[in-house]
Amino acid sequence: MKNEITVHVGGRICLYPSSIILLESDSNYTRLYLNNGKILIVATTLGKIQNRLSNQFVRTHRSFVVNLNYTDISFLENEPYVKMSNNKRVMVSRRMKQKLLESYQKLLA
């Protein structure tokens, strides 16, 4: 985290991308689930925050963006969900499933 650049997520809040597990849309607000267990709600849309983040963040559904470093992708084979490190299940749409798998493979390579 020392050499990592912070990302402005809304208001006066800047975070290290590695501290974000998951982003969840709630109309014009976004819930940010952090690796310390906190949940922040910011008045910024999911799309705007996603554009500020790196390629390790992938949209899985129109309401969710996940950090691939906190994702259990093996959970995807049987169900349209992935399991996050905070034990939250995140929906994956049929349209986004292939992009999620490709992004995960690039991360491992």
PDB file of N, CA and C in Angstrom:
ATOM      1  N   MET A   1       0.801  -1.198   0.000  1.00  0.00           N
ATOM      2  CA  MET A   1       0.000   0.000   0.000  1.00  0.00           C
ATOM      3  C   MET A   1       0.845   1.264   0.000  1.00  0.00           C
ATOM      4  N   LYS A   2       2.105   1.182   0.357  1.00  0.00           N
ATOM      5  CA  LYS A   2       2.924   2.388   0.458  1.00  0.00           C
ATOM      6  C   LYS A   2       3.054   3.106  -0.880  1.00  0.00           C
ATOM      7  N   ASN A   3       3.214   2.366  -1.977  1.00  0.00           N
ATOM      8  CA  ASN A   3       3.389   2.978  -3.284  1.00  0.00           C
ATOM      9  C   ASN A   3       2.082   3.088  -4.062  1.00  0.00           C
ATOM     10  N   GLU A   4       0.997   2.741  -3.438  1.00  0.00           N
ATOM     11  CA  GLU A   4      -0.301   2.733  -4.093  1.00  0.00           C
ATOM     12  C   GLU A   4      -0.914   4.133  -4.073  1.00  0.00           C
ATOM     13  N   ILE A   5      -1.568   4.494  -5.156  1.00  0.00           N
ATOM     14  CA  ILE A   5      -2.214   5.797  -5.284  1.00  0.00           C
ATOM     15  C   ILE A   5      -3.644   5.699  -4.778  1.00  0.00           C
ATOM     16  N   THR A   6      -4.079   6.701  -4.032  1.00  0.00           N
ATOM     17  CA  THR A   6      -5.457   6.702  -3.538  1.00  0.00           C
ATOM     18  C   THR A   6      -6.409   7.116  -4.658  1.00  0.00           C
ATOM     19  N   VAL A   7      -7.655   6.693  -4.517  1.00  0.00           N
ATOM     20  CA  VAL A   7      -8.693   6.993  -5.499  1.00  0.00           C
ATOM     21  C   VAL A   7      -9.803   7.768  -4.807  1.00  0.00           C
ATOM     22  N   HIS A   8     -10.225   8.862  -5.430  1.00  0.00           N
ATOM     23  CA  HIS A   8     -11.331   9.657  -4.891  1.00  0.00           C
ATOM     24  C   HIS A   8     -12.627   8.911  -5.177  1.00  0.00           C
ATOM     25  N   VAL A   9     -13.387   8.593  -4.127  1.00  0.00           N
ATOM     26  CA  VAL A   9     -14.620   7.827  -4.307  1.00  0.00           C
ATOM     27  C   VAL A   9     -15.881   8.649  -4.051  1.00  0.00           C
ATOM     28  N   GLY A  10     -15.736   9.840  -3.531  1.00  0.00           N
ATOM     29  CA  GLY A  10     -16.898  10.688  -3.311  1.00  0.00           C
ATOM     30  C   GLY A  10     -16.716  11.555  -2.088  1.00  0.00           C
ATOM     31  N   GLY A  11     -17.340  12.716  -2.102  1.00  0.00           N
ATOM     32  CA  GLY A  11     -17.198  13.638  -0.973  1.00  0.00           C
ATOM     33  C   GLY A  11     -15.743  13.991  -0.772  1.00  0.00           C
ATOM     34  N   ARG A  12     -15.287  13.841   0.434  1.00  0.00           N
ATOM     35  CA  ARG A  12     -13.868  14.086   0.739  1.00  0.00           C
ATOM     36  C   ARG A  12     -13.146  12.781   1.016  1.00  0.00           C
ATOM     37  N   ILE A  13     -13.662  11.701   0.491  1.00  0.00           N
ATOM     38  CA  ILE A  13     -13.124  10.376   0.796  1.00  0.00           C
ATOM     39  C   ILE A  13     -12.215   9.889  -0.320  1.00  0.00           C
ATOM     40  N   CYS A  14     -10.992   9.546   0.042  1.00  0.00           N
ATOM     41  CA  CYS A  14     -10.038   8.912  -0.866  1.00  0.00           C
ATOM     42  C   CYS A  14      -9.602   7.612  -0.208  1.00  0.00           C
ATOM     43  N   LEU A  15      -9.543   6.553  -0.986  1.00  0.00           N
ATOM     44  CA  LEU A  15      -9.190   5.234  -0.457  1.00  0.00           C
ATOM     45  C   LEU A  15      -8.134   4.575  -1.321  1.00  0.00           C
ATOM     46  N   TYR A  16      -7.398   3.646  -0.713  1.00  0.00           N
ATOM     47  CA  TYR A  16      -6.516   2.785  -1.488  1.00  0.00           C
ATOM     48  C   TYR A  16      -7.382   1.729  -2.171  1.00  0.00           C
ATOM     49  N   PRO A  17      -7.215   1.516  -3.470  1.00  0.00           N
ATOM     50  CA  PRO A  17      -8.027   0.510  -4.157  1.00  0.00           C
ATOM     51  C   PRO A  17      -7.917  -0.882  -3.530  1.00  0.00           C
ATOM     52  N   SER A  18      -6.764  -1.222  -2.982  1.00  0.00           N
ATOM     53  CA  SER A  18      -6.591  -2.546  -2.382  1.00  0.00           C
ATOM     54  C   SER A  18      -7.419  -2.728  -1.114  1.00  0.00           C
ATOM     55  N   SER A  19      -7.957  -1.632  -0.557  1.00  0.00           N
ATOM     56  CA  SER A  19      -8.787  -1.748   0.640  1.00  0.00           C
ATOM     57  C   SER A  19     -10.263  -1.964   0.300  1.00  0.00           C
ATOM     58  N   ILE A  20     -10.612  -1.867  -0.980  1.00  0.00           N
ATOM     59  CA  ILE A  20     -12.003  -2.024  -1.410  1.00  0.00           C
ATOM     60  C   ILE A  20     -12.241  -3.464  -1.860  1.00  0.00           C
ATOM     61  N   ILE A  21     -13.224  -4.122  -1.256  1.00  0.00           N
ATOM     62  CA  ILE A  21     -13.583  -5.492  -1.627  1.00  0.00           C
ATOM     63  C   ILE A  21     -14.631  -5.481  -2.727  1.00  0.00           C
ATOM     64  N   LEU A  22     -15.613  -4.616  -2.583  1.00  0.00           N
ATOM     65  CA  LEU A  22     -16.801  -4.686  -3.409  1.00  0.00           C
ATOM     66  C   LEU A  22     -17.498  -3.336  -3.460  1.00  0.00           C
ATOM     67  N   LEU A  23     -18.107  -3.030  -4.595  1.00  0.00           N
ATOM     68  CA  LEU A  23     -18.931  -1.841  -4.766  1.00  0.00           C
ATOM     69  C   LEU A  23     -20.339  -2.298  -5.118  1.00  0.00           C
ATOM     70  N   GLU A  24     -21.329  -1.713  -4.474  1.00  0.00           N
ATOM     71  CA  GLU A  24     -22.719  -2.079  -4.750  1.00  0.00           C
ATOM     72  C   GLU A  24     -23.530  -0.817  -5.034  1.00  0.00           C
ATOM     73  N   SER A  25     -24.256  -0.829  -6.135  1.00  0.00           N
ATOM     74  CA  SER A  25     -25.065   0.315  -6.535  1.00  0.00           C
ATOM     75  C   SER A  25     -26.347   0.390  -5.720  1.00  0.00           C
ATOM     76  N   ASP A  26     -26.731   1.610  -5.387  1.00  0.00           N
ATOM     77  CA  ASP A  26     -27.995   1.864  -4.720  1.00  0.00           C
ATOM     78  C   ASP A  26     -28.521   3.192  -5.268  1.00  0.00           C
ATOM     79  N   SER A  27     -29.130   3.135  -6.445  1.00  0.00           N
ATOM     80  CA  SER A  27     -29.608   4.307  -7.164  1.00  0.00           C
ATOM     81  C   SER A  27     -28.422   5.217  -7.494  1.00  0.00           C
ATOM     82  N   ASN A  28     -28.414   6.456  -7.034  1.00  0.00           N
ATOM     83  CA  ASN A  28     -27.292   7.360  -7.295  1.00  0.00           C
ATOM     84  C   ASN A  28     -26.238   7.317  -6.198  1.00  0.00           C
ATOM     85  N   TYR A  29     -26.332   6.339  -5.334  1.00  0.00           N
ATOM     86  CA  TYR A  29     -25.361   6.131  -4.265  1.00  0.00           C
ATOM     87  C   TYR A  29     -24.614   4.830  -4.512  1.00  0.00           C
ATOM     88  N   THR A  30     -23.480   4.680  -3.878  1.00  0.00           N
ATOM     89  CA  THR A  30     -22.707   3.444  -3.982  1.00  0.00           C
ATOM     90  C   THR A  30     -22.255   3.029  -2.595  1.00  0.00           C
ATOM     91  N   ARG A  31     -22.444   1.753  -2.288  1.00  0.00           N
ATOM     92  CA  ARG A  31     -21.925   1.180  -1.044  1.00  0.00           C
ATOM     93  C   ARG A  31     -20.563   0.594  -1.329  1.00  0.00           C
ATOM     94  N   LEU A  32     -19.582   0.949  -0.511  1.00  0.00           N
ATOM     95  CA  LEU A  32     -18.238   0.408  -0.635  1.00  0.00           C
ATOM     96  C   LEU A  32     -17.984  -0.498   0.561  1.00  0.00           C
ATOM     97  N   TYR A  33     -17.699  -1.754   0.298  1.00  0.00           N
ATOM     98  CA  TYR A  33     -17.362  -2.715   1.343  1.00  0.00           C
ATOM     99  C   TYR A  33     -15.846  -2.771   1.430  1.00  0.00           C
ATOM    100  N   LEU A  34     -15.317  -2.454   2.602  1.00  0.00           N
ATOM    101  CA  LEU A  34     -13.869  -2.372   2.785  1.00  0.00           C
ATOM    102  C   LEU A  34     -13.323  -3.611   3.500  1.00  0.00           C
ATOM    103  N   ASN A  35     -12.024  -3.840   3.339  1.00  0.00           N
ATOM    104  CA  ASN A  35     -11.403  -5.031   3.937  1.00  0.00           C
ATOM    105  C   ASN A  35     -11.275  -4.951   5.456  1.00  0.00           C
ATOM    106  N   ASN A  36     -11.547  -3.801   6.048  1.00  0.00           N
ATOM    107  CA  ASN A  36     -11.538  -3.698   7.513  1.00  0.00           C
ATOM    108  C   ASN A  36     -12.929  -3.921   8.108  1.00  0.00           C
ATOM    109  N   GLY A  37     -13.908  -4.288   7.241  1.00  0.00           N
ATOM    110  CA  GLY A  37     -15.254  -4.576   7.707  1.00  0.00           C
ATOM    111  C   GLY A  37     -16.212  -3.398   7.634  1.00  0.00           C
ATOM    112  N   LYS A  38     -15.710  -2.223   7.355  1.00  0.00           N
ATOM    113  CA  LYS A  38     -16.574  -1.042   7.274  1.00  0.00           C
ATOM    114  C   LYS A  38     -17.316  -1.006   5.945  1.00  0.00           C
ATOM    115  N   ILE A  39     -18.477  -0.358   5.961  1.00  0.00           N
ATOM    116  CA  ILE A  39     -19.257  -0.112   4.753  1.00  0.00           C
ATOM    117  C   ILE A  39     -19.474   1.388   4.649  1.00  0.00           C
ATOM    118  N   LEU A  40     -19.027   1.971   3.539  1.00  0.00           N
ATOM    119  CA  LEU A  40     -19.211   3.402   3.303  1.00  0.00           C
ATOM    120  C   LEU A  40     -20.281   3.596   2.238  1.00  0.00           C
ATOM    121  N   ILE A  41     -21.084   4.630   2.391  1.00  0.00           N
ATOM    122  CA  ILE A  41     -22.059   4.999   1.371  1.00  0.00           C
ATOM    123  C   ILE A  41     -21.679   6.375   0.866  1.00  0.00           C
ATOM    124  N   VAL A  42     -21.474   6.473  -0.459  1.00  0.00           N
ATOM    125  CA  VAL A  42     -21.075   7.741  -1.066  1.00  0.00           C
ATOM    126  C   VAL A  42     -22.087   8.139  -2.130  1.00  0.00           C
ATOM    127  N   ALA A  43     -22.229   9.425  -2.354  1.00  0.00           N
ATOM    128  CA  ALA A  43     -23.183   9.956  -3.325  1.00  0.00           C
ATOM    129  C   ALA A  43     -22.528  10.082  -4.700  1.00  0.00           C
ATOM    130  N   THR A  44     -21.952   8.991  -5.151  1.00  0.00           N
ATOM    131  CA  THR A  44     -21.322   8.912  -6.467  1.00  0.00           C
ATOM    132  C   THR A  44     -21.816   7.631  -7.123  1.00  0.00           C
ATOM    133  N   THR A  45     -22.094   7.668  -8.408  1.00  0.00           N
ATOM    134  CA  THR A  45     -22.624   6.482  -9.069  1.00  0.00           C
ATOM    135  C   THR A  45     -21.552   5.401  -9.211  1.00  0.00           C
ATOM    136  N   LEU A  46     -22.007   4.177  -9.348  1.00  0.00           N
ATOM    137  CA  LEU A  46     -21.118   3.031  -9.490  1.00  0.00           C
ATOM    138  C   LEU A  46     -20.218   3.180 -10.714  1.00  0.00           C
ATOM    139  N   GLY A  47     -20.768   3.632 -11.813  1.00  0.00           N
ATOM    140  CA  GLY A  47     -19.992   3.794 -13.043  1.00  0.00           C
ATOM    141  C   GLY A  47     -18.857   4.792 -12.908  1.00  0.00           C
ATOM    142  N   LYS A  48     -19.108   5.907 -12.234  1.00  0.00           N
ATOM    143  CA  LYS A  48     -18.065   6.919 -12.052  1.00  0.00           C
ATOM    144  C   LYS A  48     -16.910   6.377 -11.212  1.00  0.00           C
ATOM    145  N   ILE A  49     -17.244   5.650 -10.144  1.00  0.00           N
ATOM    146  CA  ILE A  49     -16.184   5.094  -9.295  1.00  0.00           C
ATOM    147  C   ILE A  49     -15.424   4.012 -10.052  1.00  0.00           C
ATOM    148  N   GLN A  50     -16.136   3.173 -10.800  1.00  0.00           N
ATOM    149  CA  GLN A  50     -15.473   2.106 -11.559  1.00  0.00           C
ATOM    150  C   GLN A  50     -14.474   2.685 -12.559  1.00  0.00           C
ATOM    151  N   ASN A  51     -14.806   3.794 -13.198  1.00  0.00           N
ATOM    152  CA  ASN A  51     -13.898   4.424 -14.161  1.00  0.00           C
ATOM    153  C   ASN A  51     -12.608   4.911 -13.515  1.00  0.00           C
ATOM    154  N   ARG A  52     -12.646   5.191 -12.230  1.00  0.00           N
ATOM    155  CA  ARG A  52     -11.458   5.678 -11.522  1.00  0.00           C
ATOM    156  C   ARG A  52     -10.563   4.538 -11.025  1.00  0.00           C
ATOM    157  N   LEU A  53     -11.084   3.321 -11.036  1.00  0.00           N
ATOM    158  CA  LEU A  53     -10.352   2.175 -10.488  1.00  0.00           C
ATOM    159  C   LEU A  53      -9.614   1.417 -11.579  1.00  0.00           C
ATOM    160  N   SER A  54      -8.706   0.521 -11.148  1.00  0.00           N
ATOM    161  CA  SER A  54      -7.871  -0.234 -12.079  1.00  0.00           C
ATOM    162  C   SER A  54      -8.615  -1.431 -12.665  1.00  0.00           C
ATOM    163  N   ASN A  55      -7.908  -2.201 -13.472  1.00  0.00           N
ATOM    164  CA  ASN A  55      -8.485  -3.369 -14.133  1.00  0.00           C
ATOM    165  C   ASN A  55      -8.750  -4.533 -13.192  1.00  0.00           C
ATOM    166  N   GLN A  56      -8.283  -4.457 -11.958  1.00  0.00           N
ATOM    167  CA  GLN A  56      -8.565  -5.533 -11.009  1.00  0.00           C
ATOM    168  C   GLN A  56     -10.007  -5.463 -10.504  1.00  0.00           C
ATOM    169  N   PHE A  57     -10.734  -4.415 -10.888  1.00  0.00           N
ATOM    170  CA  PHE A  57     -12.148  -4.265 -10.547  1.00  0.00           C
ATOM    171  C   PHE A  57     -12.984  -4.561 -11.785  1.00  0.00           C
ATOM    172  N   VAL A  58     -13.929  -5.502 -11.632  1.00  0.00           N
ATOM    173  CA  VAL A  58     -14.735  -5.949 -12.768  1.00  0.00           C
ATOM    174  C   VAL A  58     -16.209  -5.874 -12.399  1.00  0.00           C
ATOM    175  N   ARG A  59     -17.006  -5.378 -13.327  1.00  0.00           N
ATOM    176  CA  ARG A  59     -18.450  -5.351 -13.119  1.00  0.00           C
ATOM    177  C   ARG A  59     -19.001  -6.745 -13.375  1.00  0.00           C
ATOM    178  N   THR A  60     -19.751  -7.260 -12.406  1.00  0.00           N
ATOM    179  CA  THR A  60     -20.326  -8.596 -12.524  1.00  0.00           C
ATOM    180  C   THR A  60     -21.813  -8.547 -12.825  1.00  0.00           C
ATOM    181  N   HIS A  61     -22.399  -7.404 -12.581  1.00  0.00           N
ATOM    182  CA  HIS A  61     -23.841  -7.232 -12.712  1.00  0.00           C
ATOM    183  C   HIS A  61     -24.050  -5.723 -12.775  1.00  0.00           C
ATOM    184  N   ARG A  62     -25.201  -5.277 -13.214  1.00  0.00           N
ATOM    185  CA  ARG A  62     -25.376  -3.824 -13.289  1.00  0.00           C
ATOM    186  C   ARG A  62     -25.345  -3.158 -11.921  1.00  0.00           C
ATOM    187  N   SER A  63     -25.435  -3.951 -10.852  1.00  0.00           N
ATOM    188  CA  SER A  63     -25.418  -3.396  -9.495  1.00  0.00           C
ATOM    189  C   SER A  63     -24.129  -3.653  -8.727  1.00  0.00           C
ATOM    190  N   PHE A  64     -23.179  -4.405  -9.314  1.00  0.00           N
ATOM    191  CA  PHE A  64     -21.989  -4.794  -8.551  1.00  0.00           C
ATOM    192  C   PHE A  64     -20.698  -4.637  -9.349  1.00  0.00           C
ATOM    193  N   VAL A  65     -19.652  -4.210  -8.647  1.00  0.00           N
ATOM    194  CA  VAL A  65     -18.274  -4.235  -9.153  1.00  0.00           C
ATOM    195  C   VAL A  65     -17.448  -4.906  -8.066  1.00  0.00           C
ATOM    196  N   VAL A  66     -16.647  -5.911  -8.444  1.00  0.00           N
ATOM    197  CA  VAL A  66     -15.863  -6.648  -7.457  1.00  0.00           C
ATOM    198  C   VAL A  66     -14.374  -6.442  -7.682  1.00  0.00           C
ATOM    199  N   ASN A  67     -13.618  -6.534  -6.599  1.00  0.00           N
ATOM    200  CA  ASN A  67     -12.168  -6.543  -6.653  1.00  0.00           C
ATOM    201  C   ASN A  67     -11.754  -8.003  -6.796  1.00  0.00           C
ATOM    202  N   LEU A  68     -11.111  -8.352  -7.895  1.00  0.00           N
ATOM    203  CA  LEU A  68     -10.764  -9.748  -8.174  1.00  0.00           C
ATOM    204  C   LEU A  68      -9.847 -10.352  -7.124  1.00  0.00           C
ATOM    205  N   ASN A  69      -9.103  -9.525  -6.413  1.00  0.00           N
ATOM    206  CA  ASN A  69      -8.204 -10.036  -5.377  1.00  0.00           C
ATOM    207  C   ASN A  69      -8.958 -10.583  -4.167  1.00  0.00           C
ATOM    208  N   TYR A  70     -10.230 -10.269  -4.039  1.00  0.00           N
ATOM    209  CA  TYR A  70     -11.039 -10.730  -2.909  1.00  0.00           C
ATOM    210  C   TYR A  70     -12.159 -11.682  -3.345  1.00  0.00           C
ATOM    211  N   THR A  71     -12.056 -12.229  -4.549  1.00  0.00           N
ATOM    212  CA  THR A  71     -13.125 -13.035  -5.129  1.00  0.00           C
ATOM    213  C   THR A  71     -12.770 -14.510  -5.145  1.00  0.00           C
ATOM    214  N   ASP A  72     -13.737 -15.346  -4.751  1.00  0.00           N
ATOM    215  CA  ASP A  72     -13.602 -16.800  -4.890  1.00  0.00           C
ATOM    216  C   ASP A  72     -14.314 -17.185  -6.176  1.00  0.00           C
ATOM    217  N   ILE A  73     -13.558 -17.252  -7.265  1.00  0.00           N
ATOM    218  CA  ILE A  73     -14.133 -17.464  -8.588  1.00  0.00           C
ATOM    219  C   ILE A  73     -14.612 -18.903  -8.788  1.00  0.00           C
ATOM    220  N   SER A  74     -14.106 -19.845  -8.024  1.00  0.00           N
ATOM    221  CA  SER A  74     -14.515 -21.244  -8.178  1.00  0.00           C
ATOM    222  C   SER A  74     -15.988 -21.427  -7.828  1.00  0.00           C
ATOM    223  N   PHE A  75     -16.537 -20.503  -7.098  1.00  0.00           N
ATOM    224  CA  PHE A  75     -17.941 -20.553  -6.694  1.00  0.00           C
ATOM    225  C   PHE A  75     -18.863 -20.331  -7.893  1.00  0.00           C
ATOM    226  N   LEU A  76     -18.321 -19.767  -8.969  1.00  0.00           N
ATOM    227  CA  LEU A  76     -19.100 -19.379 -10.138  1.00  0.00           C
ATOM    228  C   LEU A  76     -19.573 -20.569 -10.970  1.00  0.00           C
ATOM    229  N   GLU A  77     -18.898 -21.692 -10.909  1.00  0.00           N
ATOM    230  CA  GLU A  77     -19.192 -22.812 -11.803  1.00  0.00           C
ATOM    231  C   GLU A  77     -20.620 -23.321 -11.675  1.00  0.00           C
ATOM    232  N   ASN A  78     -21.141 -23.437 -10.478  1.00  0.00           N
ATOM    233  CA  ASN A  78     -22.454 -24.031 -10.275  1.00  0.00           C
ATOM    234  C   ASN A  78     -23.591 -23.038 -10.137  1.00  0.00           C
ATOM    235  N   GLU A  79     -23.304 -21.812  -9.778  1.00  0.00           N
ATOM    236  CA  GLU A  79     -24.343 -20.829  -9.510  1.00  0.00           C
ATOM    237  C   GLU A  79     -23.976 -19.481 -10.140  1.00  0.00           C
ATOM    238  N   PRO A  80     -24.959 -18.624 -10.341  1.00  0.00           N
ATOM    239  CA  PRO A  80     -24.659 -17.304 -10.905  1.00  0.00           C
ATOM    240  C   PRO A  80     -24.185 -16.307  -9.842  1.00  0.00           C
ATOM    241  N   TYR A  81     -23.356 -16.768  -8.917  1.00  0.00           N
ATOM    242  CA  TYR A  81     -22.830 -15.921  -7.846  1.00  0.00           C
ATOM    243  C   TYR A  81     -21.339 -16.166  -7.682  1.00  0.00           C
ATOM    244  N   VAL A  82     -20.637 -15.190  -7.169  1.00  0.00           N
ATOM    245  CA  VAL A  82     -19.276 -15.388  -6.674  1.00  0.00           C
ATOM    246  C   VAL A  82     -19.298 -15.048  -5.194  1.00  0.00           C
ATOM    247  N   LYS A  83     -18.411 -15.656  -4.459  1.00  0.00           N
ATOM    248  CA  LYS A  83     -18.325 -15.410  -3.024  1.00  0.00           C
ATOM    249  C   LYS A  83     -17.130 -14.508  -2.759  1.00  0.00           C
ATOM    250  N   MET A  84     -17.365 -13.452  -1.999  1.00  0.00           N
ATOM    251  CA  MET A  84     -16.307 -12.500  -1.683  1.00  0.00           C
ATOM    252  C   MET A  84     -15.625 -12.899  -0.373  1.00  0.00           C
ATOM    253  N   SER A  85     -14.489 -12.304  -0.095  1.00  0.00           N
ATOM    254  CA  SER A  85     -13.745 -12.635   1.122  1.00  0.00           C
ATOM    255  C   SER A  85     -14.503 -12.241   2.388  1.00  0.00           C
ATOM    256  N   ASN A  86     -15.466 -11.326   2.283  1.00  0.00           N
ATOM    257  CA  ASN A  86     -16.274 -10.943   3.442  1.00  0.00           C
ATOM    258  C   ASN A  86     -17.540 -11.807   3.546  1.00  0.00           C
ATOM    259  N   ASN A  87     -17.563 -12.931   2.822  1.00  0.00           N
ATOM    260  CA  ASN A  87     -18.659 -13.915   2.796  1.00  0.00           C
ATOM    261  C   ASN A  87     -19.934 -13.393   2.145  1.00  0.00           C
ATOM    262  N   LYS A  88     -19.875 -12.284   1.474  1.00  0.00           N
ATOM    263  CA  LYS A  88     -21.041 -11.777   0.743  1.00  0.00           C
ATOM    264  C   LYS A  88     -21.089 -12.452  -0.629  1.00  0.00           C
ATOM    265  N   ARG A  89     -22.284 -12.877  -1.017  1.00  0.00           N
ATOM    266  CA  ARG A  89     -22.489 -13.466  -2.335  1.00  0.00           C
ATOM    267  C   ARG A  89     -22.907 -12.364  -3.298  1.00  0.00           C
ATOM    268  N   VAL A  90     -22.227 -12.311  -4.445  1.00  0.00           N
ATOM    269  CA  VAL A  90     -22.472 -11.262  -5.423  1.00  0.00           C
ATOM    270  C   VAL A  90     -22.977 -11.897  -6.713  1.00  0.00           C
ATOM    271  N   MET A  91     -24.072 -11.364  -7.211  1.00  0.00           N
ATOM    272  CA  MET A  91     -24.678 -11.884  -8.424  1.00  0.00           C
ATOM    273  C   MET A  91     -23.805 -11.608  -9.652  1.00  0.00           C
ATOM    274  N   VAL A  92     -23.773 -12.589 -10.566  1.00  0.00           N
ATOM    275  CA  VAL A  92     -23.059 -12.433 -11.833  1.00  0.00           C
ATOM    276  C   VAL A  92     -24.068 -12.651 -12.958  1.00  0.00           C
ATOM    277  N   SER A  93     -24.202 -11.662 -13.822  1.00  0.00           N
ATOM    278  CA  SER A  93     -25.147 -11.804 -14.931  1.00  0.00           C
ATOM    279  C   SER A  93     -24.553 -12.711 -16.004  1.00  0.00           C
ATOM    280  N   ARG A  94     -25.407 -13.293 -16.809  1.00  0.00           N
ATOM    281  CA  ARG A  94     -24.942 -14.177 -17.893  1.00  0.00           C
ATOM    282  C   ARG A  94     -24.042 -13.410 -18.843  1.00  0.00           C
ATOM    283  N   ARG A  95     -24.380 -12.164 -19.101  1.00  0.00           N
ATOM    284  CA  ARG A  95     -23.620 -11.340 -20.042  1.00  0.00           C
ATOM    285  C   ARG A  95     -22.223 -11.005 -19.521  1.00  0.00           C
ATOM    286  N   MET A  96     -22.074 -10.876 -18.221  1.00  0.00           N
ATOM    287  CA  MET A  96     -20.793 -10.468 -17.622  1.00  0.00           C
ATOM    288  C   MET A  96     -19.913 -11.646 -17.204  1.00  0.00           C
ATOM    289  N   LYS A  97     -20.444 -12.844 -17.213  1.00  0.00           N
ATOM    290  CA  LYS A  97     -19.718 -14.004 -16.700  1.00  0.00           C
ATOM    291  C   LYS A  97     -18.412 -14.235 -17.460  1.00  0.00           C
ATOM    292  N   GLN A  98     -18.451 -14.197 -18.792  1.00  0.00           N
ATOM    293  CA  GLN A  98     -17.256 -14.460 -19.590  1.00  0.00           C
ATOM    294  C   GLN A  98     -16.183 -13.402 -19.348  1.00  0.00           C
ATOM    295  N   LYS A  99     -16.582 -12.138 -19.261  1.00  0.00           N
ATOM    296  CA  LYS A  99     -15.611 -11.063 -18.998  1.00  0.00           C
ATOM    297  C   LYS A  99     -14.965 -11.241 -17.625  1.00  0.00           C
ATOM    298  N   LEU A 100     -15.753 -11.658 -16.655  1.00  0.00           N
ATOM    299  CA  LEU A 100     -15.222 -11.903 -15.319  1.00  0.00           C
ATOM    300  C   LEU A 100     -14.180 -13.018 -15.351  1.00  0.00           C
ATOM    301  N   LEU A 101     -14.478 -14.108 -16.035  1.00  0.00           N
ATOM    302  CA  LEU A 101     -13.533 -15.224 -16.127  1.00  0.00           C
ATOM    303  C   LEU A 101     -12.251 -14.814 -16.850  1.00  0.00           C
ATOM    304  N   GLU A 102     -12.378 -14.057 -17.941  1.00  0.00           N
ATOM    305  CA  GLU A 102     -11.195 -13.592 -18.681  1.00  0.00           C
ATOM    306  C   GLU A 102     -10.335 -12.664 -17.832  1.00  0.00           C
ATOM    307  N   SER A 103     -10.958 -11.755 -17.112  1.00  0.00           N
ATOM    308  CA  SER A 103     -10.225 -10.825 -16.254  1.00  0.00           C
ATOM    309  C   SER A 103      -9.498 -11.564 -15.138  1.00  0.00           C
ATOM    310  N   TYR A 104     -10.142 -12.582 -14.602  1.00  0.00           N
ATOM    311  CA  TYR A 104      -9.529 -13.362 -13.531  1.00  0.00           C
ATOM    312  C   TYR A 104      -8.317 -14.125 -14.048  1.00  0.00           C
ATOM    313  N   GLN A 105      -8.408 -14.673 -15.265  1.00  0.00           N
ATOM    314  CA  GLN A 105      -7.278 -15.388 -15.871  1.00  0.00           C
ATOM    315  C   GLN A 105      -6.102 -14.439 -16.106  1.00  0.00           C
ATOM    316  N   LYS A 106      -6.376 -13.210 -16.555  1.00  0.00           N
ATOM    317  CA  LYS A 106      -5.315 -12.221 -16.760  1.00  0.00           C
ATOM    318  C   LYS A 106      -4.628 -11.865 -15.447  1.00  0.00           C
ATOM    319  N   LEU A 107      -5.402 -11.796 -14.379  1.00  0.00           N
ATOM    320  CA  LEU A 107      -4.850 -11.478 -13.066  1.00  0.00           C
ATOM    321  C   LEU A 107      -3.903 -12.570 -12.589  1.00  0.00           C
ATOM    322  N   LEU A 108      -4.248 -13.825 -12.877  1.00  0.00           N
ATOM    323  CA  LEU A 108      -3.412 -14.953 -12.453  1.00  0.00           C
ATOM    324  C   LEU A 108      -2.154 -15.084 -13.295  1.00  0.00           C
ATOM    325  N   ALA A 109      -2.193 -14.612 -14.542  1.00  0.00           N
ATOM    326  CA  ALA A 109      -1.047 -14.760 -15.454  1.00  0.00           C
ATOM    327  C   ALA A 109       0.085 -13.825 -15.140  1.00  0.00           C
TER     328      ALA A 109
END
